[in-house]
Amino acid sequence: MAINTGDILNFLSTIGRGIVGRKRCLWISLGVILVIAVITIPTAIVLTRKTKTIIIMETTRESPIIAVITIPTTIGLTVKTEATTELSTITAITIPTTTDSTEKTETTTALPEQCTGKYSIITNDPRNPEHGYMVSGDINGDNLLDIVISDSSSRIVNILYNNGNATFSVVSMQYDNTFSPIRLTTADVNNDKMIDIIILDKDMPQIRVLLNTGHSTFDEKIVLFNGIDSIFITTADLDKDNNSDIIVVSLGSSDISILFNTNDGGFTKQISYVIPGRSYIVITADLNNDGSHDIIATCYEEHKIAVLYNSGNGAFEPYKILSVDAGPFGIMAADINRDNNVDLIVLYPEINEVHIILNNGGGIFSRQFIFATGVNPGFLAIADINKDDKLDIIVTNMESANVGIFYNIENGIFAKQKLYSTDIYPSTIAIVDVNTDGQLDIIVVHDASIGILYIDCH
């Protein structure tokens, strides 16, 4: 089927995006279409984008389907490698939208339940930094999820012990000028059945491991590693020895460092893997159903998602690229459509969208569903908010001063975003039942406050 110039112009008009700047430490890069070549292939237009990406638009009478294919390069099976291969072909499927004066919304089926929300500020601390980060975990072993928040500007780590009645007992740990806690995570790193706290330093390549003694006190270990401008930390058992290993992302060196657990709360054997750009967030998930944790990193400025597949013993293949059309930031992995394959949920702040990239099995991704968020979405979470045994998507809309929830109708079909007002600039969130009523609530960190969004589904 021949495709004329009008088809090309229509295609170009569909990929134009407005850019919304982030007030956080993010830089926005614009992808520019450099060369447009029309090739006489039936039902297809081939566009060369940023020299390494081919965009194919297959046209039908109803609507265009866009597929993104990255040109593969040579693979080298070595640590610290920059070799890449194509991960899969993704077809972008845009959910029908309507537009009002403030944001894009989707036309979908009605909510299965009407869930209301009430927002309440629990602390108002002007010291709480713009870059505060929050995680949850049962720190004191009372079967209630507690909250841990880092404060790099004040050099404080705050533990909010959940009292079970929507109140918290706060314990603050003040550090000197040798340590600036920027990101943290929780895990039982020494297998004593108690949740420990692992904290990343903003200024130096060091990690503080707080080993839980069981009495709301901690034994601290310092772990050193090689990395430049480290920004994010998480844990997972990467080598199948039943110990939680540490994964660190470094902006300056554009790599991922793995520190393997020695089974006593110590960490050795750092191995680093180059990724195709500066990543702010990394997650782990078994994407190809082989029983091993793979590593997924978003490269915001480069408009790429890098996947490192685990060979099964903690060694990783060179990264493979999932090319996308905008800067991916937040990312989560979950089986959204309940087909026993882990899908990717990706947040795009510069175009105010969240995308669901469906996994067909074996780590082959083919379809991408697109949903409009509020303005400048900053953080992403996955949880069953309305207790229907289906995973919902929760997003903080920083510039809109609200939290949006996409309720899962069935098998990955989502209702239109439902908005809940919060304080200004909501950043990180944690999903916790704060009042033991069986309903998950949302704790929200802002620039200078912490609040609770109480959800009531009826």
Protein backbone atom coordinates (compact mmCIF):
# COMPACT_ATOMS: atom_id res chain seq x y z
CA MET A 1 0.00 0.00 0.00
CA ALA A 2 1.46 3.40 -0.98
CA ILE A 3 1.81 6.08 1.68
CA ASN A 4 1.76 9.73 0.72
CA THR A 5 3.23 12.87 2.21
CA GLY A 6 0.03 13.56 4.10
CA ASP A 7 0.46 10.33 5.99
CA ILE A 8 3.94 11.41 7.01
CA LEU A 9 2.75 14.79 8.21
CA ASN A 10 -0.09 13.23 10.15
CA PHE A 11 2.38 10.86 11.77
CA LEU A 12 4.74 13.67 12.71
CA SER A 13 1.88 15.65 14.21
CA THR A 14 0.94 12.73 16.45
CA ILE A 15 4.37 12.48 18.03
CA GLY A 16 4.70 16.14 18.95
CA ARG A 17 4.84 16.53 22.70
CA GLY A 18 4.75 19.45 25.09
CA ILE A 19 7.59 19.56 27.58
CA VAL A 20 6.92 20.22 31.26
CA GLY A 21 10.03 21.07 33.28
CA ARG A 22 10.74 19.33 36.57
CA LYS A 23 11.67 21.35 39.61
CA ARG A 24 13.77 18.45 40.82
CA CYS A 25 17.28 17.63 39.70
CA LEU A 26 16.28 16.43 36.25
CA TRP A 27 17.38 17.50 32.86
CA ILE A 28 15.10 17.22 29.85
CA SER A 29 16.49 16.16 26.51
CA LEU A 30 14.55 16.45 23.30
CA GLY A 31 14.77 13.74 20.72
CA VAL A 32 15.06 15.34 17.28
CA ILE A 33 14.12 13.59 14.09
CA LEU A 34 17.19 14.06 11.94
CA VAL A 35 16.42 12.18 8.75
CA ILE A 36 13.15 11.10 7.22
CA ALA A 37 13.39 8.46 4.54
CA VAL A 38 10.35 7.04 2.81
CA ILE A 39 11.07 3.48 1.73
CA THR A 40 8.83 1.56 -0.61
CA ILE A 41 7.85 -1.21 1.79
CA PRO A 42 4.17 -2.20 1.73
CA THR A 43 2.11 -0.59 4.48
CA ALA A 44 5.12 0.91 6.24
CA ILE A 45 7.02 4.13 6.64
CA VAL A 46 10.56 3.86 7.97
CA LEU A 47 11.94 6.85 9.84
CA THR A 48 15.48 7.19 11.08
CA ARG A 49 15.46 8.82 14.53
CA LYS A 50 18.58 9.83 16.45
CA THR A 51 20.63 7.63 14.03
CA LYS A 52 20.11 4.40 16.00
CA THR A 53 16.35 4.01 16.07
CA ILE A 54 13.92 3.04 13.35
CA ILE A 55 10.29 3.99 13.79
CA ILE A 56 7.85 2.03 11.66
CA MET A 57 4.28 3.19 11.22
CA GLU A 58 2.01 0.52 9.83
CA THR A 59 -1.19 2.14 8.63
CA THR A 60 -4.63 0.65 8.53
CA ARG A 61 -7.92 2.24 7.60
CA GLU A 62 -8.77 2.64 11.29
CA SER A 63 -5.61 4.00 12.94
CA PRO A 64 -1.83 3.93 12.70
CA ILE A 65 0.26 1.51 14.76
CA ILE A 66 3.75 2.63 15.63
CA ALA A 67 6.57 0.17 16.29
CA VAL A 68 9.94 1.21 17.69
CA ILE A 69 12.99 -0.86 16.74
CA THR A 70 16.54 -0.18 17.90
CA ILE A 71 19.37 -1.09 15.55
CA PRO A 72 21.44 -3.79 17.31
CA THR A 73 25.18 -3.48 17.79
CA THR A 74 27.88 -6.01 18.58
CA ILE A 75 27.58 -7.91 21.88
CA GLY A 76 30.59 -8.36 24.17
CA LEU A 77 30.22 -10.73 27.11
CA THR A 78 32.38 -8.79 29.56
CA VAL A 79 31.77 -6.86 32.74
CA LYS A 80 31.82 -3.06 32.32
CA THR A 81 30.64 -3.46 28.75
CA GLU A 82 28.74 -1.01 26.58
CA ALA A 83 27.56 -3.59 24.07
CA THR A 84 23.84 -3.52 23.41
CA THR A 85 21.23 -5.56 21.62
CA GLU A 86 17.61 -5.01 20.77
CA LEU A 87 15.32 -6.23 23.51
CA SER A 88 12.07 -6.36 21.61
CA THR A 89 9.73 -4.52 19.30
CA ILE A 90 7.16 -2.37 21.07
CA THR A 91 3.91 -1.33 19.53
CA ALA A 92 2.50 1.87 21.01
CA ILE A 93 -1.25 1.69 21.61
CA THR A 94 -2.69 4.99 22.79
CA ILE A 95 -5.82 4.77 24.93
CA PRO A 96 -8.52 7.14 23.52
CA THR A 97 -8.35 10.47 25.30
CA THR A 98 -10.39 13.57 25.86
CA THR A 99 -8.99 16.96 26.76
CA ASP A 100 -10.12 19.55 29.29
CA SER A 101 -8.52 22.76 30.54
CA THR A 102 -6.10 21.07 32.92
CA GLU A 103 -5.05 17.62 31.81
CA LYS A 104 -5.62 14.70 29.49
CA THR A 105 -8.02 11.96 30.56
CA GLU A 106 -8.99 8.60 29.13
CA THR A 107 -12.39 7.38 28.06
CA THR A 108 -12.75 4.02 29.83
CA THR A 109 -15.32 2.03 31.75
CA ALA A 110 -16.56 3.16 35.17
CA LEU A 111 -14.81 2.36 38.42
CA PRO A 112 -15.78 -0.97 40.02
CA GLU A 113 -16.08 0.87 43.33
CA GLN A 114 -16.22 4.53 44.20
CA CYS A 115 -13.22 5.28 46.39
CA THR A 116 -13.08 8.58 48.24
CA GLY A 117 -10.04 10.17 49.81
CA LYS A 118 -9.29 12.49 52.71
CA TYR A 119 -5.90 14.14 53.09
CA SER A 120 -4.37 15.06 56.44
CA ILE A 121 -0.93 16.52 57.23
CA ILE A 122 0.78 14.68 60.09
CA THR A 123 4.05 16.65 60.23
CA ASN A 124 5.03 20.06 58.96
CA ASP A 125 8.81 20.32 59.10
CA PRO A 126 10.53 23.02 57.03
CA ARG A 127 13.76 21.02 57.28
CA ASN A 128 12.27 18.20 55.24
CA PRO A 129 14.28 18.42 52.03
CA GLU A 130 13.23 18.62 48.45
CA HIS A 131 15.05 15.35 47.84
CA GLY A 132 13.58 13.38 50.77
CA TYR A 133 13.00 9.72 49.96
CA MET A 134 10.71 7.29 51.76
CA VAL A 135 10.44 3.53 52.12
CA SER A 136 8.37 1.24 54.32
CA GLY A 137 9.13 -1.86 56.37
CA ASP A 138 8.19 -3.50 59.66
CA ILE A 139 11.21 -2.22 61.57
CA ASN A 140 10.14 -3.15 65.11
CA GLY A 141 8.46 -6.46 64.31
CA ASP A 142 4.92 -5.56 65.42
CA ASN A 143 3.34 -6.54 62.09
CA LEU A 144 2.75 -2.89 61.19
CA LEU A 145 4.59 -1.21 58.35
CA ASP A 146 6.77 1.66 59.56
CA ILE A 147 8.18 4.52 57.49
CA VAL A 148 11.83 5.50 57.00
CA ILE A 149 12.66 8.87 55.39
CA SER A 150 16.05 10.22 54.33
CA ASP A 151 16.95 13.91 54.64
CA SER A 152 20.22 14.66 52.85
CA SER A 153 20.20 18.42 53.48
CA SER A 154 19.81 18.05 57.26
CA ARG A 155 21.75 14.74 57.35
CA ILE A 156 18.91 13.02 59.18
CA VAL A 157 17.19 9.66 58.85
CA ASN A 158 13.72 9.64 60.43
CA ILE A 159 11.97 6.43 61.44
CA LEU A 160 8.21 6.78 61.89
CA TYR A 161 7.05 3.81 63.94
CA ASN A 162 3.44 2.99 63.09
CA ASN A 163 1.23 2.94 66.19
CA GLY A 164 -1.66 1.41 64.27
CA ASN A 165 -4.05 4.29 65.00
CA ALA A 166 -2.91 6.80 62.37
CA THR A 167 -0.19 8.16 64.68
CA PHE A 168 3.54 7.60 64.59
CA SER A 169 6.38 7.62 67.08
CA VAL A 170 9.32 9.40 65.45
CA VAL A 171 12.96 8.53 66.05
CA SER A 172 15.59 10.69 64.34
CA MET A 173 19.18 9.70 63.63
CA GLN A 174 21.43 12.71 63.11
CA TYR A 175 24.64 12.29 61.11
CA ASP A 176 27.68 14.56 60.98
CA ASN A 177 29.08 16.20 57.85
CA THR A 178 30.70 12.94 56.72
CA PHE A 179 27.39 11.41 55.65
CA SER A 180 24.43 12.75 53.64
CA PRO A 181 21.64 10.14 53.38
CA ILE A 182 19.98 10.53 49.98
CA ARG A 183 18.32 7.18 49.19
CA LEU A 184 17.54 4.15 51.29
CA THR A 185 15.88 0.77 51.27
CA THR A 186 14.91 -1.95 53.74
CA ALA A 187 15.75 -5.66 53.80
CA ASP A 188 16.84 -8.41 56.17
CA VAL A 189 20.49 -8.48 55.11
CA ASN A 190 21.79 -10.85 57.83
CA ASN A 191 18.88 -13.33 57.89
CA ASP A 192 17.95 -12.75 61.53
CA LYS A 193 14.25 -12.22 60.72
CA MET A 194 14.52 -8.48 61.42
CA ILE A 195 14.29 -5.70 58.85
CA ASP A 196 17.48 -3.67 58.44
CA ILE A 197 17.96 -0.24 56.84
CA ILE A 198 20.43 0.34 54.02
CA ILE A 199 21.29 4.00 53.32
CA LEU A 200 23.17 5.53 50.38
CA ASP A 201 25.41 8.58 50.82
CA LYS A 202 24.86 11.55 48.52
CA ASP A 203 28.43 12.86 48.48
CA MET A 204 30.70 9.84 48.91
CA PRO A 205 30.67 6.26 47.53
CA GLN A 206 29.62 4.73 50.81
CA ILE A 207 26.64 2.89 52.26
CA ARG A 208 25.54 2.71 55.88
CA VAL A 209 23.98 -0.64 56.78
CA LEU A 210 21.90 -0.38 59.97
CA LEU A 211 21.58 -3.90 61.37
CA ASN A 212 18.43 -4.16 63.45
CA THR A 213 19.05 -5.41 67.01
CA GLY A 214 15.34 -5.89 67.73
CA HIS A 215 15.14 -3.14 70.35
CA SER A 216 14.67 -0.15 68.04
CA THR A 217 18.46 0.23 67.99
CA PHE A 218 20.93 -0.59 65.25
CA ASP A 219 24.50 -1.75 64.77
CA GLU A 220 25.98 0.27 61.94
CA LYS A 221 28.35 -0.99 59.26
CA ILE A 222 30.00 1.16 56.60
CA VAL A 223 30.30 -0.36 53.13
CA LEU A 224 32.57 1.33 50.59
CA PHE A 225 32.27 0.92 46.83
CA ASN A 226 33.44 2.52 43.59
CA GLY A 227 30.98 4.93 42.00
CA ILE A 228 30.57 8.58 41.03
CA ASP A 229 27.49 10.62 42.04
CA SER A 230 25.52 7.62 43.26
CA ILE A 231 21.78 8.30 43.26
CA PHE A 232 19.73 5.17 43.95
CA ILE A 233 19.93 1.93 45.93
CA THR A 234 17.87 -1.25 46.16
CA THR A 235 18.32 -4.89 47.19
CA ALA A 236 17.56 -8.34 45.79
CA ASP A 237 18.94 -11.87 45.98
CA LEU A 238 20.81 -11.86 42.67
CA ASP A 239 22.92 -15.03 43.04
CA LYS A 240 20.31 -17.30 44.65
CA ASP A 241 22.12 -17.78 47.96
CA ASN A 242 19.15 -16.55 50.02
CA ASN A 243 20.95 -13.32 50.91
CA SER A 244 19.94 -9.79 49.89
CA ASP A 245 22.55 -8.17 47.65
CA ILE A 246 22.87 -4.42 47.08
CA ILE A 247 22.43 -2.67 43.72
CA VAL A 248 23.61 0.95 43.37
CA VAL A 249 23.13 3.32 40.44
CA SER A 250 25.76 6.02 39.83
CA LEU A 251 25.03 9.03 37.60
CA GLY A 252 28.60 10.17 37.04
CA SER A 253 29.92 6.80 35.91
CA SER A 254 26.69 5.69 34.17
CA ASP A 255 26.85 2.25 35.69
CA ILE A 256 25.20 -0.18 38.06
CA SER A 257 27.27 -1.62 40.90
CA ILE A 258 26.39 -4.90 42.60
CA LEU A 259 27.68 -5.68 46.10
CA PHE A 260 27.20 -9.32 47.01
CA ASN A 261 26.13 -10.27 50.54
CA THR A 262 28.56 -12.39 52.56
CA ASN A 263 25.73 -13.81 54.72
CA ASP A 264 26.64 -11.83 57.83
CA GLY A 265 25.54 -8.34 56.86
CA GLY A 266 28.81 -7.67 55.08
CA PHE A 267 29.23 -7.01 51.36
CA THR A 268 32.11 -7.80 49.02
CA LYS A 269 32.83 -8.62 45.38
CA GLN A 270 31.64 -5.43 43.72
CA ILE A 271 30.91 -5.90 40.04
CA SER A 272 29.91 -2.97 37.82
CA TYR A 273 27.97 -2.95 34.57
CA VAL A 274 27.81 0.00 32.20
CA ILE A 275 24.34 1.17 31.17
CA PRO A 276 23.49 3.40 28.18
CA GLY A 277 23.16 6.66 30.09
CA ARG A 278 22.39 8.34 33.39
CA SER A 279 19.85 6.41 35.41
CA TYR A 280 17.94 7.70 38.43
CA ILE A 281 16.04 4.54 39.31
CA VAL A 282 16.70 0.81 39.08
CA ILE A 283 14.42 -2.12 39.91
CA THR A 284 14.71 -5.91 39.83
CA ALA A 285 12.22 -8.47 38.52
CA ASP A 286 12.19 -11.84 36.78
CA LEU A 287 11.26 -10.75 33.28
CA ASN A 288 11.97 -13.99 31.42
CA ASN A 289 10.54 -16.47 33.95
CA ASP A 290 13.83 -18.25 34.65
CA GLY A 291 13.66 -17.81 38.43
CA SER A 292 16.39 -15.14 38.57
CA HIS A 293 16.15 -11.41 39.29
CA ASP A 294 16.93 -9.28 36.25
CA ILE A 295 17.88 -5.59 36.52
CA ILE A 296 15.93 -2.80 34.82
CA ALA A 297 17.14 0.83 34.75
CA THR A 298 15.54 3.93 33.25
CA CYS A 299 17.86 6.30 31.38
CA TYR A 300 15.95 9.58 31.45
CA GLU A 301 17.99 11.83 29.17
CA GLU A 302 18.73 9.08 26.65
CA HIS A 303 15.08 7.98 26.29
CA LYS A 304 15.98 4.37 26.97
CA ILE A 305 15.18 1.53 29.34
CA ALA A 306 18.12 -0.81 29.93
CA VAL A 307 17.55 -4.46 30.86
CA LEU A 308 20.33 -6.67 32.22
CA TYR A 309 19.33 -10.33 32.19
CA ASN A 310 20.63 -12.50 35.02
CA SER A 311 22.50 -15.59 33.83
CA GLY A 312 21.37 -17.38 36.98
CA ASN A 313 24.34 -17.01 39.30
CA GLY A 314 24.50 -13.26 39.76
CA ALA A 315 26.41 -12.56 36.54
CA PHE A 316 24.56 -10.43 34.02
CA GLU A 317 24.48 -10.29 30.26
CA PRO A 318 25.32 -6.97 28.57
CA TYR A 319 22.40 -4.59 28.71
CA LYS A 320 19.65 -4.72 26.14
CA ILE A 321 17.76 -1.60 25.16
CA LEU A 322 14.06 -0.93 25.20
CA SER A 323 13.76 2.28 23.18
CA VAL A 324 11.00 4.73 24.10
CA ASP A 325 9.87 8.09 22.76
CA ALA A 326 10.37 10.18 25.91
CA GLY A 327 12.42 10.27 29.09
CA PRO A 328 11.43 7.38 31.40
CA PHE A 329 11.81 8.13 35.10
CA GLY A 330 9.83 6.08 37.61
CA ILE A 331 9.43 2.39 36.88
CA MET A 332 7.75 -0.58 38.54
CA ALA A 333 7.39 -4.24 37.59
CA ALA A 334 4.21 -6.25 38.21
CA ASP A 335 1.92 -8.76 36.50
CA ILE A 336 -0.74 -6.23 35.58
CA ASN A 337 -2.90 -8.43 33.34
CA ARG A 338 -2.48 -11.65 35.36
CA ASP A 339 -0.92 -13.75 32.61
CA ASN A 340 1.99 -14.86 34.84
CA ASN A 341 4.41 -12.51 33.06
CA VAL A 342 5.91 -9.47 34.77
CA ASP A 343 5.00 -6.25 32.94
CA LEU A 344 6.69 -2.85 33.17
CA ILE A 345 4.92 0.30 34.33
CA VAL A 346 6.86 3.42 33.36
CA LEU A 347 6.42 7.08 34.29
CA TYR A 348 7.23 9.90 31.83
CA PRO A 349 7.34 13.31 33.59
CA GLU A 350 8.11 15.38 30.50
CA ILE A 351 4.98 14.27 28.64
CA ASN A 352 2.71 13.65 31.66
CA GLU A 353 2.03 9.99 30.94
CA VAL A 354 2.31 6.53 32.46
CA HIS A 355 2.84 3.59 30.13
CA ILE A 356 2.15 -0.11 30.66
CA ILE A 357 4.51 -2.27 28.59
CA LEU A 358 3.09 -5.77 28.44
CA ASN A 359 5.39 -8.79 28.68
CA ASN A 360 4.40 -11.57 26.29
CA GLY A 361 6.63 -14.06 28.10
CA GLY A 362 10.34 -14.70 28.04
CA GLY A 363 11.03 -10.99 28.34
CA ILE A 364 9.46 -10.21 24.95
CA PHE A 365 7.59 -6.89 25.12
CA SER A 366 5.18 -6.01 22.35
CA ARG A 367 2.34 -3.68 23.39
CA GLN A 368 2.37 -0.38 25.20
CA PHE A 369 -0.75 1.18 26.72
CA ILE A 370 -0.61 4.92 27.40
CA PHE A 371 -2.49 6.84 30.11
CA ALA A 372 -2.46 10.58 30.83
CA THR A 373 -1.41 11.67 34.32
CA GLY A 374 -1.49 15.04 36.03
CA VAL A 375 1.24 17.63 35.53
CA ASN A 376 4.84 16.51 36.12
CA PRO A 377 4.33 13.06 37.66
CA GLY A 378 7.19 12.26 40.00
CA PHE A 379 6.71 8.92 41.75
CA LEU A 380 5.03 5.61 41.02
CA ALA A 381 3.61 2.81 43.18
CA ILE A 382 1.65 -0.39 42.58
CA ALA A 383 -0.91 -1.80 45.05
CA ASP A 384 -4.44 -3.19 45.30
CA ILE A 385 -6.10 -0.07 46.67
CA ASN A 386 -9.76 -1.05 46.33
CA LYS A 387 -9.35 -4.66 47.51
CA ASP A 388 -10.56 -6.36 44.33
CA ASP A 389 -7.45 -8.55 43.95
CA LYS A 390 -6.22 -6.45 41.02
CA LEU A 391 -3.15 -4.22 41.07
CA ASP A 392 -3.79 -0.48 40.71
CA ILE A 393 -1.33 2.25 39.69
CA ILE A 394 -0.65 5.21 41.99
CA VAL A 395 1.13 8.36 40.74
CA THR A 396 2.16 11.61 42.42
CA ASN A 397 1.41 14.62 40.21
CA MET A 398 3.87 17.18 41.53
CA GLU A 399 2.75 20.31 39.72
CA SER A 400 -0.93 19.41 40.07
CA ALA A 401 -0.65 18.94 43.87
CA ASN A 402 -2.51 15.65 43.83
CA VAL A 403 -2.19 11.88 43.74
CA GLY A 404 -3.75 10.00 40.85
CA ILE A 405 -4.94 6.40 41.04
CA PHE A 406 -5.64 4.27 37.97
CA TYR A 407 -7.97 1.53 39.16
CA ASN A 408 -7.50 -1.81 37.42
CA ILE A 409 -10.82 -2.93 35.95
CA GLU A 410 -9.73 -6.33 34.63
CA ASN A 411 -6.64 -7.83 32.99
CA GLY A 412 -4.81 -4.54 32.68
CA ILE A 413 -7.78 -2.44 31.56
CA PHE A 414 -7.74 0.67 33.74
CA ALA A 415 -10.32 3.27 34.65
CA LYS A 416 -9.68 6.95 34.09
CA GLN A 417 -7.28 8.47 36.61
CA LYS A 418 -9.07 9.42 39.83
CA LEU A 419 -7.47 12.45 41.47
CA TYR A 420 -7.05 13.07 45.20
CA SER A 421 -5.87 16.50 46.38
CA THR A 422 -2.76 16.73 48.58
CA ASP A 423 -0.31 19.36 49.74
CA ILE A 424 1.92 21.08 47.16
CA TYR A 425 4.59 19.12 45.28
CA PRO A 426 3.91 15.55 46.41
CA SER A 427 7.08 13.57 45.77
CA THR A 428 7.57 10.08 47.18
CA ILE A 429 4.79 7.89 48.52
CA ALA A 430 4.43 4.71 50.56
CA ILE A 431 1.40 2.43 50.66
CA VAL A 432 0.60 1.54 54.28
CA ASP A 433 -2.50 0.73 56.35
CA VAL A 434 -1.91 3.41 58.99
CA ASN A 435 -5.04 2.84 61.10
CA THR A 436 -5.40 -0.98 60.86
CA ASP A 437 -8.83 -0.78 59.22
CA GLY A 438 -7.86 -3.18 56.44
CA GLN A 439 -7.75 -0.37 53.87
CA LEU A 440 -4.43 0.69 52.36
CA ASP A 441 -3.63 4.37 52.82
CA ILE A 442 -1.06 6.51 51.02
CA ILE A 443 1.67 8.37 52.91
CA VAL A 444 2.96 11.35 50.93
CA VAL A 445 6.22 13.27 51.37
CA HIS A 446 6.21 16.91 50.25
CA ASP A 447 8.91 19.57 50.30
CA ALA A 448 8.16 20.54 53.90
CA SER A 449 5.48 18.18 55.17
CA ILE A 450 4.33 14.59 55.44
CA GLY A 451 0.68 13.70 54.97
CA ILE A 452 -1.67 10.74 54.83
CA LEU A 453 -4.21 10.22 52.08
CA TYR A 454 -6.93 8.06 53.64
CA ILE A 455 -8.72 5.99 51.02
CA ASP A 456 -12.26 4.75 51.64
CA CYS A 457 -13.59 2.28 49.06
CA HIS A 458 -17.24 1.31 49.37
